[in-house]
Amino acid sequence: MPYLDPAAGRAREGRQAAAVPNAGNATATAAAGATPTKAEYDALLADVATLRTKVNSLLTALRASGQIAP
């Protein structure tokens, strides 16, 4: 049974992706009132931008290691 061949299994093993550090804690806080202030909005926008960068770094690492298609 070819699927039990250890050499064939090792040949199919994927490479490990490059390390990407964890995302930091969110800096935004809950809005004080019904309408967020500019500062509250900007803090949330900065957090989203940071997470977007982190997700893109993860996708780049996975593509470079061959774990997902380019």
N, C-alpha and C. Protein backbone atom coordinates (compact mmCIF):
# COMPACT_ATOMS: atom_id res chain seq x y z
N MET A 1 0.84 -1.17 0.00
CA MET A 1 0.00 0.00 0.00
C MET A 1 0.89 1.24 0.00
N PRO A 2 0.89 2.01 -1.09
CA PRO A 2 1.81 3.12 -1.21
C PRO A 2 1.59 4.23 -0.19
N TYR A 3 0.38 4.38 0.32
CA TYR A 3 0.15 5.48 1.27
C TYR A 3 0.77 5.20 2.63
N LEU A 4 1.24 3.97 2.87
CA LEU A 4 1.90 3.64 4.12
C LEU A 4 3.42 3.70 4.00
N ASP A 5 3.93 4.04 2.84
CA ASP A 5 5.37 4.12 2.61
C ASP A 5 5.93 5.36 3.32
N PRO A 6 6.77 5.19 4.35
CA PRO A 6 7.29 6.34 5.08
C PRO A 6 8.08 7.31 4.20
N ALA A 7 8.83 6.80 3.25
CA ALA A 7 9.61 7.68 2.38
C ALA A 7 8.69 8.55 1.54
N ALA A 8 7.61 7.98 1.04
CA ALA A 8 6.66 8.76 0.25
C ALA A 8 5.97 9.80 1.13
N GLY A 9 5.70 9.45 2.37
CA GLY A 9 5.08 10.40 3.29
C GLY A 9 6.00 11.58 3.58
N ARG A 10 7.29 11.30 3.80
CA ARG A 10 8.24 12.38 4.04
C ARG A 10 8.38 13.27 2.82
N ALA A 11 8.29 12.72 1.64
CA ALA A 11 8.41 13.50 0.42
C ALA A 11 7.24 14.46 0.27
N ARG A 12 6.10 14.12 0.85
CA ARG A 12 4.92 14.99 0.75
C ARG A 12 4.83 16.01 1.86
N GLU A 13 5.66 15.90 2.88
CA GLU A 13 5.58 16.83 4.00
C GLU A 13 5.87 18.24 3.52
N GLY A 14 5.09 19.17 4.01
CA GLY A 14 5.27 20.57 3.63
C GLY A 14 6.40 21.22 4.40
N ARG A 15 6.87 22.31 3.86
CA ARG A 15 7.88 23.08 4.56
C ARG A 15 7.17 23.99 5.56
N GLN A 16 7.88 24.33 6.59
CA GLN A 16 7.31 25.19 7.61
C GLN A 16 7.34 26.64 7.12
N ALA A 17 6.26 27.36 7.36
CA ALA A 17 6.18 28.77 6.97
C ALA A 17 7.07 29.60 7.88
N ALA A 18 7.47 30.76 7.39
CA ALA A 18 8.26 31.69 8.19
C ALA A 18 7.44 32.17 9.38
N ALA A 19 8.12 32.44 10.47
CA ALA A 19 7.43 32.91 11.68
C ALA A 19 6.87 34.31 11.48
N VAL A 20 5.67 34.52 11.95
CA VAL A 20 5.04 35.85 11.96
C VAL A 20 4.61 36.10 13.40
N PRO A 21 5.08 37.19 14.00
CA PRO A 21 4.73 37.43 15.40
C PRO A 21 3.24 37.66 15.60
N ASN A 22 2.76 37.39 16.80
CA ASN A 22 1.35 37.60 17.12
C ASN A 22 0.97 39.06 16.99
N ALA A 23 -0.30 39.31 16.72
CA ALA A 23 -0.80 40.68 16.70
C ALA A 23 -0.82 41.21 18.12
N GLY A 24 -0.52 42.48 18.27
CA GLY A 24 -0.53 43.10 19.58
C GLY A 24 -1.95 43.34 20.08
N ASN A 25 -2.05 43.81 21.30
CA ASN A 25 -3.35 44.12 21.87
C ASN A 25 -3.98 45.29 21.12
N ALA A 26 -5.28 45.29 21.07
CA ALA A 26 -6.00 46.39 20.43
C ALA A 26 -5.81 47.66 21.24
N THR A 27 -5.68 48.77 20.56
CA THR A 27 -5.50 50.05 21.24
C THR A 27 -6.81 50.82 21.32
N ALA A 28 -7.79 50.44 20.52
CA ALA A 28 -9.07 51.14 20.54
C ALA A 28 -9.86 50.76 21.78
N THR A 29 -10.67 51.68 22.25
CA THR A 29 -11.54 51.42 23.38
C THR A 29 -12.98 51.63 22.94
N ALA A 30 -13.90 51.19 23.74
CA ALA A 30 -15.32 51.37 23.40
C ALA A 30 -15.66 52.86 23.37
N ALA A 31 -16.53 53.22 22.45
CA ALA A 31 -16.94 54.62 22.33
C ALA A 31 -17.66 55.05 23.61
N ALA A 32 -17.38 56.27 24.02
CA ALA A 32 -17.99 56.79 25.25
C ALA A 32 -19.47 57.08 25.07
N GLY A 33 -19.86 57.44 23.86
CA GLY A 33 -21.27 57.78 23.61
C GLY A 33 -21.79 57.01 22.42
N ALA A 34 -22.93 57.45 21.91
CA ALA A 34 -23.54 56.78 20.77
C ALA A 34 -22.74 57.02 19.49
N THR A 35 -22.09 58.17 19.40
CA THR A 35 -21.30 58.52 18.22
C THR A 35 -19.82 58.53 18.60
N PRO A 36 -19.00 57.74 17.92
CA PRO A 36 -17.57 57.73 18.27
C PRO A 36 -16.91 59.06 17.89
N THR A 37 -15.92 59.43 18.68
CA THR A 37 -15.14 60.63 18.38
C THR A 37 -14.13 60.32 17.29
N LYS A 38 -13.50 61.36 16.77
CA LYS A 38 -12.46 61.16 15.75
C LYS A 38 -11.31 60.34 16.32
N ALA A 39 -10.93 60.60 17.55
CA ALA A 39 -9.83 59.85 18.18
C ALA A 39 -10.19 58.37 18.32
N GLU A 40 -11.42 58.07 18.71
CA GLU A 40 -11.85 56.68 18.85
C GLU A 40 -11.87 55.99 17.48
N TYR A 41 -12.36 56.70 16.48
CA TYR A 41 -12.40 56.15 15.12
C TYR A 41 -10.98 55.90 14.61
N ASP A 42 -10.10 56.87 14.82
CA ASP A 42 -8.72 56.73 14.33
C ASP A 42 -8.00 55.57 15.02
N ALA A 43 -8.27 55.36 16.31
CA ALA A 43 -7.65 54.24 17.02
C ALA A 43 -8.13 52.91 16.45
N LEU A 44 -9.42 52.82 16.15
CA LEU A 44 -9.96 51.60 15.56
C LEU A 44 -9.39 51.38 14.16
N LEU A 45 -9.29 52.45 13.40
CA LEU A 45 -8.72 52.35 12.05
C LEU A 45 -7.27 51.88 12.09
N ALA A 46 -6.51 52.37 13.06
CA ALA A 46 -5.12 51.94 13.21
C ALA A 46 -5.04 50.45 13.56
N ASP A 47 -5.93 50.00 14.44
CA ASP A 47 -5.96 48.57 14.79
C ASP A 47 -6.28 47.70 13.58
N VAL A 48 -7.25 48.12 12.79
CA VAL A 48 -7.63 47.36 11.59
C VAL A 48 -6.47 47.32 10.60
N ALA A 49 -5.79 48.45 10.44
CA ALA A 49 -4.64 48.50 9.52
C ALA A 49 -3.53 47.56 9.99
N THR A 50 -3.30 47.52 11.30
CA THR A 50 -2.28 46.63 11.85
C THR A 50 -2.64 45.17 11.61
N LEU A 51 -3.90 44.82 11.85
CA LEU A 51 -4.34 43.44 11.61
C LEU A 51 -4.28 43.08 10.14
N ARG A 52 -4.61 44.02 9.26
CA ARG A 52 -4.53 43.77 7.81
C ARG A 52 -3.09 43.46 7.41
N THR A 53 -2.16 44.23 7.94
CA THR A 53 -0.74 43.98 7.66
C THR A 53 -0.33 42.61 8.16
N LYS A 54 -0.81 42.23 9.35
CA LYS A 54 -0.47 40.93 9.93
C LYS A 54 -1.01 39.78 9.09
N VAL A 55 -2.27 39.91 8.64
CA VAL A 55 -2.88 38.87 7.81
C VAL A 55 -2.13 38.75 6.49
N ASN A 56 -1.76 39.87 5.89
CA ASN A 56 -1.00 39.82 4.64
C ASN A 56 0.36 39.17 4.84
N SER A 57 1.00 39.42 6.00
CA SER A 57 2.29 38.77 6.30
C SER A 57 2.12 37.26 6.43
N LEU A 58 1.03 36.84 7.07
CA LEU A 58 0.77 35.40 7.19
C LEU A 58 0.54 34.76 5.83
N LEU A 59 -0.25 35.42 4.98
CA LEU A 59 -0.50 34.88 3.64
C LEU A 59 0.78 34.81 2.83
N THR A 60 1.63 35.82 2.93
CA THR A 60 2.90 35.80 2.22
C THR A 60 3.78 34.65 2.70
N ALA A 61 3.82 34.42 4.01
CA ALA A 61 4.63 33.32 4.55
C ALA A 61 4.09 31.97 4.08
N LEU A 62 2.77 31.81 4.07
CA LEU A 62 2.19 30.55 3.62
C LEU A 62 2.45 30.31 2.14
N ARG A 63 2.38 31.36 1.33
CA ARG A 63 2.67 31.21 -0.10
C ARG A 63 4.14 30.86 -0.32
N ALA A 64 5.01 31.53 0.42
CA ALA A 64 6.46 31.29 0.24
C ALA A 64 6.84 29.87 0.65
N SER A 65 6.12 29.31 1.61
CA SER A 65 6.46 27.94 2.04
C SER A 65 5.75 26.88 1.18
N GLY A 66 4.92 27.31 0.26
CA GLY A 66 4.24 26.36 -0.61
C GLY A 66 3.00 25.74 0.00
N GLN A 67 2.52 26.27 1.13
CA GLN A 67 1.36 25.69 1.78
C GLN A 67 0.04 26.14 1.16
N ILE A 68 0.05 27.31 0.50
CA ILE A 68 -1.12 27.75 -0.27
C ILE A 68 -0.63 28.22 -1.62
N ALA A 69 -1.53 28.22 -2.58
CA ALA A 69 -1.17 28.61 -3.94
C ALA A 69 -0.81 30.09 -4.00
N PRO A 70 0.13 30.44 -4.87
CA PRO A 70 0.50 31.86 -5.00
C PRO A 70 -0.62 32.70 -5.57
